[in-house]
Every structure is written in C-alpha cells, then in structure tokens.
N, C-alpha and C. Protein backbone atom coordinates (compact mmCIF):
# COMPACT_ATOMS: atom_id res chain seq x y z
N MET A 1 24.68 -2.53 5.63
CA MET A 1 24.93 -2.07 4.56
C MET A 1 23.45 -1.59 3.35
N HIS A 2 23.42 -0.63 3.19
CA HIS A 2 21.99 0.12 2.54
C HIS A 2 21.62 -0.16 1.32
N ALA A 3 20.95 -0.83 0.48
CA ALA A 3 21.14 -0.54 -0.76
C ALA A 3 20.05 0.58 -1.43
N THR A 4 20.64 0.96 -2.17
CA THR A 4 19.55 2.49 -2.54
C THR A 4 19.21 2.13 -4.08
N LYS A 5 19.04 1.06 -4.27
CA LYS A 5 17.74 0.53 -5.10
C LYS A 5 17.44 -0.82 -4.92
N PRO A 6 16.16 -1.03 -5.45
CA PRO A 6 15.70 -2.30 -5.12
C PRO A 6 16.56 -3.68 -5.71
N SER A 7 16.67 -4.79 -5.21
CA SER A 7 17.17 -5.79 -5.27
C SER A 7 16.34 -6.58 -6.73
N LEU A 8 17.43 -6.98 -7.88
CA LEU A 8 17.00 -7.73 -8.86
C LEU A 8 15.65 -8.01 -8.58
N PHE A 9 15.67 -9.22 -7.82
CA PHE A 9 14.91 -10.12 -7.04
C PHE A 9 13.20 -9.09 -6.92
N SER A 10 13.50 -7.91 -6.43
CA SER A 10 12.01 -7.42 -6.13
C SER A 10 11.36 -6.78 -6.84
N ARG A 11 12.56 -6.67 -8.44
CA ARG A 11 12.01 -5.80 -9.40
C ARG A 11 11.56 -7.08 -10.38
N LEU A 12 12.07 -8.28 -10.55
CA LEU A 12 11.52 -9.11 -11.25
C LEU A 12 10.09 -9.23 -10.56
N SER A 13 9.90 -9.33 -9.31
CA SER A 13 8.67 -9.85 -9.10
C SER A 13 7.54 -8.82 -8.25
N ALA A 14 8.41 -7.52 -8.66
CA ALA A 14 6.70 -6.81 -8.33
C ALA A 14 5.91 -6.21 -9.51
N PRO A 15 4.76 -6.74 -9.73
CA PRO A 15 3.91 -6.17 -10.44
C PRO A 15 4.19 -4.80 -11.10
N PRO A 16 3.84 -4.35 -12.50
CA PRO A 16 3.99 -3.41 -13.00
C PRO A 16 2.99 -2.18 -12.09
N PRO A 17 3.66 -1.09 -12.46
CA PRO A 17 2.37 0.04 -11.65
C PRO A 17 1.46 0.12 -12.07
N ALA A 18 0.37 0.58 -11.58
CA ALA A 18 -1.40 0.58 -12.57
C ALA A 18 -1.30 1.99 -12.81
N ALA A 19 -1.93 2.21 -13.87
CA ALA A 19 -2.37 3.17 -14.87
C ALA A 19 -2.98 4.22 -13.72
N PRO A 20 -3.06 5.68 -14.11
CA PRO A 20 -4.36 6.47 -13.04
C PRO A 20 -5.55 5.91 -13.44
N PHE A 21 -6.14 6.38 -12.64
CA PHE A 21 -8.00 5.82 -13.05
C PHE A 21 -8.71 7.01 -12.09
N THR A 22 -9.32 7.74 -12.52
CA THR A 22 -10.53 8.66 -11.84
C THR A 22 -11.86 8.06 -11.71
N PRO A 23 -12.83 7.48 -10.54
CA PRO A 23 -13.66 6.74 -11.44
C PRO A 23 -14.98 7.94 -11.52
N PRO A 24 -16.02 7.33 -11.94
CA PRO A 24 -17.34 8.39 -12.37
C PRO A 24 -17.86 9.14 -10.97
N GLU A 25 -18.44 10.30 -11.51
CA GLU A 25 -19.20 10.89 -10.14
C GLU A 25 -19.88 9.78 -9.64
N GLY A 26 -20.10 9.68 -8.51
CA GLY A 26 -21.10 8.63 -7.78
C GLY A 26 -20.48 7.47 -7.58
N TRP A 27 -19.34 7.36 -7.75
CA TRP A 27 -18.52 5.52 -7.66
C TRP A 27 -17.77 6.09 -6.80
N SER A 28 -17.29 4.91 -6.16
CA SER A 28 -16.15 4.84 -5.06
C SER A 28 -14.74 3.77 -5.82
N LEU A 29 -13.64 4.23 -5.64
CA LEU A 29 -12.81 3.39 -6.48
C LEU A 29 -12.47 2.34 -4.75
N ILE A 30 -13.15 0.92 -4.88
CA ILE A 30 -12.79 0.30 -3.56
C ILE A 30 -11.25 -0.47 -3.59
N ASP A 31 -10.81 -1.04 -4.83
CA ASP A 31 -9.43 -1.92 -4.69
C ASP A 31 -8.97 -1.92 -6.53
N THR A 32 -7.69 -2.57 -6.38
CA THR A 32 -7.16 -2.93 -7.54
C THR A 32 -6.41 -3.79 -7.36
N ALA A 33 -6.16 -4.58 -8.80
CA ALA A 33 -5.23 -5.77 -8.90
C ALA A 33 -5.16 -5.61 -10.24
N VAL A 34 -3.27 -5.15 -9.89
CA VAL A 34 -2.63 -5.56 -11.26
C VAL A 34 -2.15 -6.57 -11.69
N HIS A 35 -1.94 -6.84 -12.71
CA HIS A 35 -2.33 -8.22 -13.93
C HIS A 35 -0.76 -8.25 -14.25
N PRO A 36 0.18 -9.68 -14.48
CA PRO A 36 1.37 -9.51 -15.24
C PRO A 36 1.61 -8.59 -16.11
N SER A 37 0.44 -8.99 -16.91
CA SER A 37 0.18 -8.52 -18.42
C SER A 37 0.36 -6.31 -18.30
N GLY A 38 0.24 -6.15 -17.07
CA GLY A 38 0.41 -4.49 -17.24
C GLY A 38 -1.08 -4.27 -16.73
N GLU A 39 -2.35 -4.70 -17.20
CA GLU A 39 -3.70 -4.48 -17.50
C GLU A 39 -4.04 -4.63 -15.44
N THR A 40 -5.11 -3.31 -15.59
CA THR A 40 -5.98 -3.69 -14.28
C THR A 40 -6.85 -3.92 -14.07
N THR A 41 -7.80 -4.64 -12.68
CA THR A 41 -8.46 -5.11 -12.60
C THR A 41 -8.74 -4.24 -11.18
N ILE A 42 -10.14 -3.07 -11.55
CA ILE A 42 -10.56 -2.35 -10.54
C ILE A 42 -12.07 -2.80 -10.10
N VAL A 43 -11.92 -2.53 -9.01
CA VAL A 43 -13.81 -2.37 -8.87
C VAL A 43 -14.26 -1.23 -7.76
N LEU A 44 -15.12 -0.76 -8.37
CA LEU A 44 -15.88 0.16 -7.77
C LEU A 44 -17.09 0.30 -7.67
N GLY A 45 -17.82 1.06 -6.69
CA GLY A 45 -18.87 0.76 -5.87
C GLY A 45 -20.19 2.48 -5.61
N ASN A 46 -21.35 1.80 -5.72
CA ASN A 46 -21.71 3.11 -5.90
C ASN A 46 -22.79 3.49 -4.66
N GLY A 47 -22.78 1.98 -3.66
CA GLY A 47 -23.92 1.55 -2.47
C GLY A 47 -24.92 0.88 -2.96
N GLU A 48 -25.47 0.78 -4.30
CA GLU A 48 -25.75 -0.18 -5.01
C GLU A 48 -25.36 -1.25 -5.86
N VAL A 49 -24.48 -0.72 -6.11
CA VAL A 49 -23.07 -2.25 -7.94
C VAL A 49 -22.21 -2.13 -7.19
N VAL A 50 -21.49 -3.29 -7.55
CA VAL A 50 -20.16 -3.55 -7.70
C VAL A 50 -19.73 -3.50 -8.78
N ARG A 51 -18.82 -3.14 -9.80
CA ARG A 51 -18.90 -3.51 -10.80
C ARG A 51 -17.14 -3.13 -11.02
N LEU A 52 -16.69 -3.85 -12.31
CA LEU A 52 -15.41 -4.29 -12.05
C LEU A 52 -15.22 -4.06 -13.20
N LEU A 53 -13.95 -3.41 -13.76
CA LEU A 53 -13.23 -2.96 -14.83
C LEU A 53 -12.24 -3.52 -15.56
N ARG A 54 -11.87 -3.64 -15.97
CA ARG A 54 -10.63 -3.90 -16.71
C ARG A 54 -9.75 -2.87 -17.64
N LEU A 55 -8.77 -2.34 -17.09
CA LEU A 55 -8.38 -1.59 -17.63
C LEU A 55 -6.90 -1.71 -18.45
N ASN A 56 -6.76 -1.06 -19.51
CA ASN A 56 -5.33 -1.42 -20.28
C ASN A 56 -3.89 -1.02 -19.63
N ARG A 57 -2.70 -0.69 -19.87
CA ARG A 57 -1.95 -0.41 -19.31
C ARG A 57 -2.00 1.17 -19.37
N LEU A 58 -2.55 1.74 -20.27
CA LEU A 58 -2.83 3.50 -20.34
C LEU A 58 -4.16 3.62 -19.51
N GLY A 59 -4.47 2.87 -18.83
CA GLY A 59 -5.80 3.21 -18.20
C GLY A 59 -7.49 2.92 -19.37
N LYS A 60 -7.22 2.42 -20.24
CA LYS A 60 -8.48 3.20 -20.76
C LYS A 60 -9.42 1.39 -20.89
N VAL A 61 -10.50 2.09 -20.27
CA VAL A 61 -11.23 0.48 -20.27
C VAL A 61 -11.30 -0.33 -20.99
N LEU A 62 -11.59 -1.83 -20.98
CA LEU A 62 -11.52 -2.60 -21.82
C LEU A 62 -12.65 -3.23 -21.32
N ARG A 63 -13.24 -3.88 -20.65
CA ARG A 63 -14.32 -4.85 -20.29
C ARG A 63 -14.79 -3.84 -18.70
N GLN A 64 -15.82 -3.95 -19.03
CA GLN A 64 -16.66 -4.15 -17.57
C GLN A 64 -17.72 -5.40 -17.38
N THR A 65 -17.99 -5.67 -16.09
CA THR A 65 -18.65 -6.66 -15.17
C THR A 65 -19.63 -5.78 -13.91
N GLU A 66 -21.07 -6.26 -13.74
CA GLU A 66 -21.37 -5.37 -12.65
C GLU A 66 -22.13 -6.73 -11.98
N PHE A 67 -22.40 -6.55 -10.32
CA PHE A 67 -22.67 -7.27 -9.88
C PHE A 67 -23.61 -6.69 -8.66
N SER A 68 -24.94 -7.43 -8.54
CA SER A 68 -25.82 -6.14 -8.16
C SER A 68 -26.92 -7.03 -7.69
N GLN A 69 -26.50 -7.90 -6.62
CA GLN A 69 -27.46 -9.21 -5.52
C GLN A 69 -28.14 -8.64 -4.50
N ASP A 70 -29.54 -8.34 -4.47
CA ASP A 70 -30.61 -7.83 -3.50
C ASP A 70 -30.26 -8.17 -2.38
N THR A 71 -29.85 -10.15 -2.30
CA THR A 71 -30.20 -10.26 -0.83
C THR A 71 -28.93 -11.05 -1.23
N GLY A 72 -27.80 -11.23 -1.96
CA GLY A 72 -26.31 -11.83 -1.68
C GLY A 72 -26.64 -13.42 -0.98
N HIS A 73 -27.12 -13.68 -0.15
CA HIS A 73 -26.64 -15.18 -0.06
C HIS A 73 -28.15 -16.23 -0.09
N THR A 74 -29.54 -15.78 -0.41
CA THR A 74 -30.63 -16.27 -0.49
C THR A 74 -30.52 -17.13 -2.00
N ASP A 75 -29.42 -16.87 -2.97
CA ASP A 75 -29.66 -17.43 -3.91
C ASP A 75 -28.81 -18.56 -3.87
N LEU A 76 -27.73 -18.50 -3.17
CA LEU A 76 -27.30 -20.09 -2.61
C LEU A 76 -27.47 -20.83 -1.12
N THR A 77 -28.57 -20.31 -0.81
CA THR A 77 -29.14 -21.52 0.20
C THR A 77 -30.74 -21.14 0.09
N ASP A 78 -31.24 -22.10 0.59
CA ASP A 78 -32.84 -21.81 0.99
C ASP A 78 -33.36 -21.13 1.95
N GLN A 79 -32.40 -20.45 3.14
CA GLN A 79 -32.91 -19.77 3.98
C GLN A 79 -32.94 -18.45 3.82
N VAL A 80 -34.14 -18.29 3.82
CA VAL A 80 -34.96 -16.74 4.12
C VAL A 80 -35.18 -16.18 5.36
N ASP A 81 -34.64 -15.41 5.49
CA ASP A 81 -35.07 -14.70 7.04
C ASP A 81 -36.69 -14.42 7.00
N PRO A 82 -38.00 -14.08 7.14
CA PRO A 82 -38.48 -13.64 7.08
C PRO A 82 -39.02 -11.72 6.96
N ALA A 83 -38.17 -11.63 8.01
CA ALA A 83 -37.48 -9.93 8.51
C ALA A 83 -36.71 -9.70 7.50
N ASP A 84 -35.97 -10.29 6.46
CA ASP A 84 -34.95 -9.54 5.56
C ASP A 84 -36.20 -9.54 4.54
N ALA A 85 -37.07 -10.57 4.52
CA ALA A 85 -38.13 -10.44 3.28
C ALA A 85 -38.78 -9.25 2.96
N ALA A 86 -39.28 -8.78 4.31
CA ALA A 86 -40.30 -7.83 4.59
C ALA A 86 -39.83 -6.33 4.88
N GLN A 87 -38.19 -6.46 4.87
CA GLN A 87 -37.54 -4.79 4.89
C GLN A 87 -36.71 -4.72 3.53
N PRO A 88 -36.79 -3.71 3.04
CA PRO A 88 -35.72 -3.45 1.73
C PRO A 88 -34.18 -3.88 1.69
N ALA A 89 -34.33 -4.16 1.12
CA ALA A 89 -32.58 -4.57 1.02
C ALA A 89 -31.72 -3.40 1.64
N PRO A 90 -30.49 -3.49 2.34
CA PRO A 90 -29.65 -2.48 3.10
C PRO A 90 -28.45 -1.96 1.88
N ARG A 91 -28.43 -0.71 1.51
CA ARG A 91 -27.41 -0.40 0.95
C ARG A 91 -26.15 -1.26 0.99
N ARG A 92 -25.51 -1.57 0.07
CA ARG A 92 -23.96 -1.97 0.18
C ARG A 92 -23.01 -1.15 0.97
N PHE A 93 -21.84 -1.79 1.99
CA PHE A 93 -20.60 -0.77 2.10
C PHE A 93 -19.81 -0.36 1.03
N ARG A 94 -19.67 0.40 1.04
CA ARG A 94 -18.46 0.98 0.07
C ARG A 94 -17.25 0.21 0.13
N ASP A 95 -17.07 -0.44 1.09
CA ASP A 95 -15.67 -0.58 1.12
C ASP A 95 -15.53 -2.42 1.18
N ALA A 96 -16.10 -2.74 1.03
CA ALA A 96 -16.79 -4.50 1.25
C ALA A 96 -16.48 -5.42 0.28
N VAL A 97 -15.21 -5.06 -0.78
CA VAL A 97 -15.08 -5.75 -1.33
C VAL A 97 -13.35 -5.84 -1.52
N ARG A 98 -12.15 -6.68 -2.22
CA ARG A 98 -11.34 -6.76 -1.90
C ARG A 98 -11.51 -7.69 -3.24
N LEU A 99 -10.16 -7.52 -3.76
CA LEU A 99 -9.27 -8.36 -5.43
C LEU A 99 -8.19 -9.10 -4.91
N ARG A 100 -8.13 -9.92 -5.43
CA ARG A 100 -6.60 -10.23 -5.80
C ARG A 100 -6.03 -10.59 -7.01
N ALA A 101 -5.47 -10.68 -7.64
CA ALA A 101 -5.05 -11.03 -8.95
C ALA A 101 -4.18 -12.43 -9.23
N ILE A 102 -4.65 -13.41 -10.01
CA ILE A 102 -3.95 -14.73 -10.02
C ILE A 102 -3.87 -14.78 -11.27
N GLY A 103 -2.89 -14.27 -11.85
CA GLY A 103 -2.17 -14.23 -13.29
C GLY A 103 -2.95 -13.14 -13.52
N GLU A 104 -3.91 -13.77 -14.59
CA GLU A 104 -4.94 -12.34 -15.65
C GLU A 104 -6.32 -13.07 -15.02
N ALA A 105 -6.45 -13.67 -13.78
CA ALA A 105 -7.59 -14.20 -13.23
C ALA A 105 -7.94 -13.11 -12.15
N VAL A 106 -8.94 -13.19 -11.32
CA VAL A 106 -9.19 -12.11 -10.45
C VAL A 106 -10.13 -13.37 -9.41
N THR A 107 -9.55 -12.71 -7.76
CA THR A 107 -10.90 -13.61 -6.94
C THR A 107 -11.28 -11.86 -6.19
N MET A 108 -12.27 -12.40 -6.45
CA MET A 108 -12.84 -10.92 -5.44
C MET A 108 -14.06 -11.65 -4.14
N VAL A 109 -13.44 -11.04 -3.57
CA VAL A 109 -14.18 -11.25 -1.68
C VAL A 109 -15.57 -9.78 -1.38
N LEU A 110 -16.73 -10.31 -1.26
CA LEU A 110 -17.30 -9.44 -1.48
C LEU A 110 -18.45 -9.39 -0.19
N ARG A 111 -18.48 -8.52 0.88
CA ARG A 111 -19.41 -8.70 1.91
C ARG A 111 -20.65 -8.11 1.10
N THR A 112 -22.10 -8.59 1.33
CA THR A 112 -23.05 -8.02 0.89
C THR A 112 -23.63 -6.99 1.52
N GLY A 113 -25.03 -7.27 1.74
CA GLY A 113 -25.58 -5.98 1.84
C GLY A 113 -26.21 -6.07 3.23
N ARG A 114 -26.18 -7.74 3.55
CA ARG A 114 -26.80 -8.53 4.48
C ARG A 114 -25.90 -8.88 5.46
N ASN A 115 -24.71 -8.85 4.89
CA ASN A 115 -22.77 -9.04 6.07
C ASN A 115 -23.08 -10.40 5.55
N GLY A 116 -23.41 -11.15 4.61
CA GLY A 116 -22.76 -12.45 4.21
C GLY A 116 -21.56 -12.15 3.48
N VAL A 117 -20.87 -12.81 3.28
CA VAL A 117 -19.30 -12.81 2.53
C VAL A 117 -19.34 -14.05 1.39
N LEU A 118 -19.47 -13.54 0.11
CA LEU A 118 -19.29 -14.47 -0.91
C LEU A 118 -17.52 -14.03 -1.35
N VAL A 119 -17.40 -15.46 -2.01
CA VAL A 119 -15.96 -15.33 -2.66
C VAL A 119 -16.16 -15.97 -4.66
N TYR A 120 -15.93 -14.97 -5.37
CA TYR A 120 -15.92 -15.16 -6.54
C TYR A 120 -14.67 -15.62 -7.09
N ARG A 121 -14.52 -16.63 -8.41
CA ARG A 121 -13.43 -16.67 -8.82
C ARG A 121 -13.51 -16.26 -10.24
N LEU A 122 -13.06 -15.45 -11.02
CA LEU A 122 -13.62 -14.96 -12.50
C LEU A 122 -12.63 -15.08 -13.32
N SER A 123 -12.45 -15.36 -14.23
CA SER A 123 -11.15 -15.52 -15.30
C SER A 123 -11.50 -14.74 -16.19
N TYR A 124 -10.72 -14.11 -16.58
CA TYR A 124 -10.17 -12.92 -18.16
C TYR A 124 -10.06 -13.32 -19.51
N CYS A 125 -11.13 -13.11 -20.45
CA CYS A 125 -10.92 -13.22 -21.20
C CYS A 125 -11.03 -11.79 -22.57
N VAL A 126 -10.04 -11.56 -23.49
CA VAL A 126 -9.88 -10.50 -24.03
C VAL A 126 -11.09 -10.06 -24.94
N VAL A 127 -11.77 -11.17 -25.46
CA VAL A 127 -13.01 -11.04 -26.07
C VAL A 127 -14.49 -11.03 -25.74
N HIS A 128 -14.56 -11.77 -24.55
CA HIS A 128 -15.87 -12.20 -23.54
C HIS A 128 -15.65 -11.44 -22.60
N GLY A 129 -14.76 -10.31 -21.89
CA GLY A 129 -14.47 -10.22 -20.58
C GLY A 129 -14.33 -11.40 -19.33
N TYR A 130 -14.86 -11.00 -18.62
CA TYR A 130 -14.84 -11.89 -17.55
C TYR A 130 -16.06 -12.84 -17.64
N LYS A 131 -15.52 -14.60 -16.28
CA LYS A 131 -16.36 -15.33 -16.62
C LYS A 131 -16.16 -15.85 -14.94
N GLN A 132 -17.61 -15.81 -14.88
CA GLN A 132 -17.71 -16.70 -13.59
C GLN A 132 -16.89 -18.20 -13.13
N LEU A 133 -16.06 -18.38 -13.08
CA LEU A 133 -15.44 -19.45 -12.84
C LEU A 133 -16.17 -20.72 -11.65
N TRP A 134 -16.27 -19.88 -10.41
CA TRP A 134 -17.35 -20.47 -9.01
C TRP A 134 -17.52 -19.35 -8.02
N ARG A 135 -18.31 -19.44 -7.26
CA ARG A 135 -19.09 -18.65 -6.47
C ARG A 135 -19.17 -19.58 -4.90
N THR A 136 -18.61 -18.85 -3.90
CA THR A 136 -19.26 -19.82 -2.64
C THR A 136 -19.56 -18.87 -1.57
N LEU A 137 -20.75 -19.34 -1.08
CA LEU A 137 -20.86 -18.73 0.14
C LEU A 137 -19.30 -18.59 1.33
N VAL A 138 -19.04 -18.10 2.11
CA VAL A 138 -18.18 -17.90 2.99
C VAL A 138 -18.89 -17.91 4.54
N ASN A 139 -19.77 -17.20 4.61
CA ASN A 139 -20.24 -16.58 5.68
C ASN A 139 -21.68 -16.54 5.23
N MET A 140 -22.68 -16.78 5.89
CA MET A 140 -23.72 -16.00 5.80
C MET A 140 -24.26 -14.72 6.97
N GLY A 141 -24.61 -13.75 6.07
CA GLY A 141 -24.83 -12.69 6.79
C GLY A 141 -26.27 -12.85 8.13
N ARG A 142 -25.76 -11.80 9.01
CA ARG A 142 -26.74 -11.84 9.84
C ARG A 142 -27.15 -10.14 10.01
N ARG A 143 -28.81 -9.90 10.87
CA ARG A 143 -28.92 -8.82 10.93
C ARG A 143 -28.15 -8.08 12.07
N SER A 144 -28.08 -7.06 11.81
CA SER A 144 -27.30 -6.28 13.16
C SER A 144 -27.98 -6.27 14.56
N GLY A 145 -27.36 -6.75 15.38
CA GLY A 145 -27.97 -7.18 17.07
C GLY A 145 -28.42 -8.68 16.84
N ASP A 146 -28.20 -9.41 16.04
CA ASP A 146 -28.83 -10.37 15.92
C ASP A 146 -27.65 -11.44 16.46
N THR A 147 -28.00 -12.26 17.68
CA THR A 147 -26.91 -12.82 18.19
C THR A 147 -26.72 -14.69 17.90
N GLY A 148 -28.15 -14.67 16.51
CA GLY A 148 -27.96 -16.70 16.35
C GLY A 148 -28.02 -17.20 17.10
N ALA A 149 -28.73 -16.81 18.21
CA ALA A 149 -29.51 -17.48 19.45
C ALA A 149 -30.56 -17.87 18.87
N PRO A 150 -31.28 -19.41 19.19
CA PRO A 150 -33.04 -19.44 18.88
C PRO A 150 -33.68 -18.83 19.72
N GLN A 151 -35.06 -18.57 19.52
CA GLN A 151 -35.63 -17.82 20.60
C GLN A 151 -36.83 -18.84 20.72
C-alpha cells in the first residue's frame, strides 16, 4: 500500500523548510543547516573567507561570523613546514565546509587551504551570535604530492 502523504512521524521529525537566500556577489553558498526554531545557519565562501550567517524564518540575516585562518593547522600544532612558510597560503576550496545543526547549535567541519581538517562546535545566542565552544584538528594537511615519507 502506498501512502500519498508523509507519515505523522516524518512530519514531526522533519526540520522546517529553509527560507530562500541568495548569496552576495563573489560568494558561494556552500551548506545549510535548519534548526528546530526554524532559523537557518548557512555557510558562504569566497575563496579566502568562510562566513557563517544565521537567518530567521523569513531569510533575514540575524548574525554573522567569519573564519579566515591563513594556515589553519599551524595554530593548533607547533609544526610549521618551511615550504609552507615560504609559499603564500593557497585559496580555500569553495566546497570544503559542512554544517550540522545540533538543536540551535552547529558543528562545522572545515578543510583548510593546506588540506587540514578542523571541526568547530559553535553555540548560538540571540544577543551575542555564535560562540566557539571548542575546535579540534582532525587531520593535519599535506601539500599536494607529499607522501608523508621521511626524506
């Protein structure tokens, strides 16, 4: 038997639909996360900066936070590759961020320009916006072609 409408369980567990949003010129919409309140967190990228926006149910921007780490992983470790220090930081990939809503908070996984992977846990407050609860390095990046073998 085929159901013609969603079950009560799926209607209760499904997040509310996100409001439409068009990113500003020069920015790409990378990912979204809809919260139980109906507000939405979106992440934008322009190749240099990752920007989190919090939107209300109507799509109006409530708060924004920017992430613009040049090296990404060197502030979490004491290891700085001399080749990385001599070269300019590469541009970030525009598809290198993923969001997950956890209630009204959000978890953000970010691949840095050096291909390191960082995970952020951010709480959200109506008055103060996003607050970083913690951040951890999951994988230190390597340059393209680097096998990791000692030389």
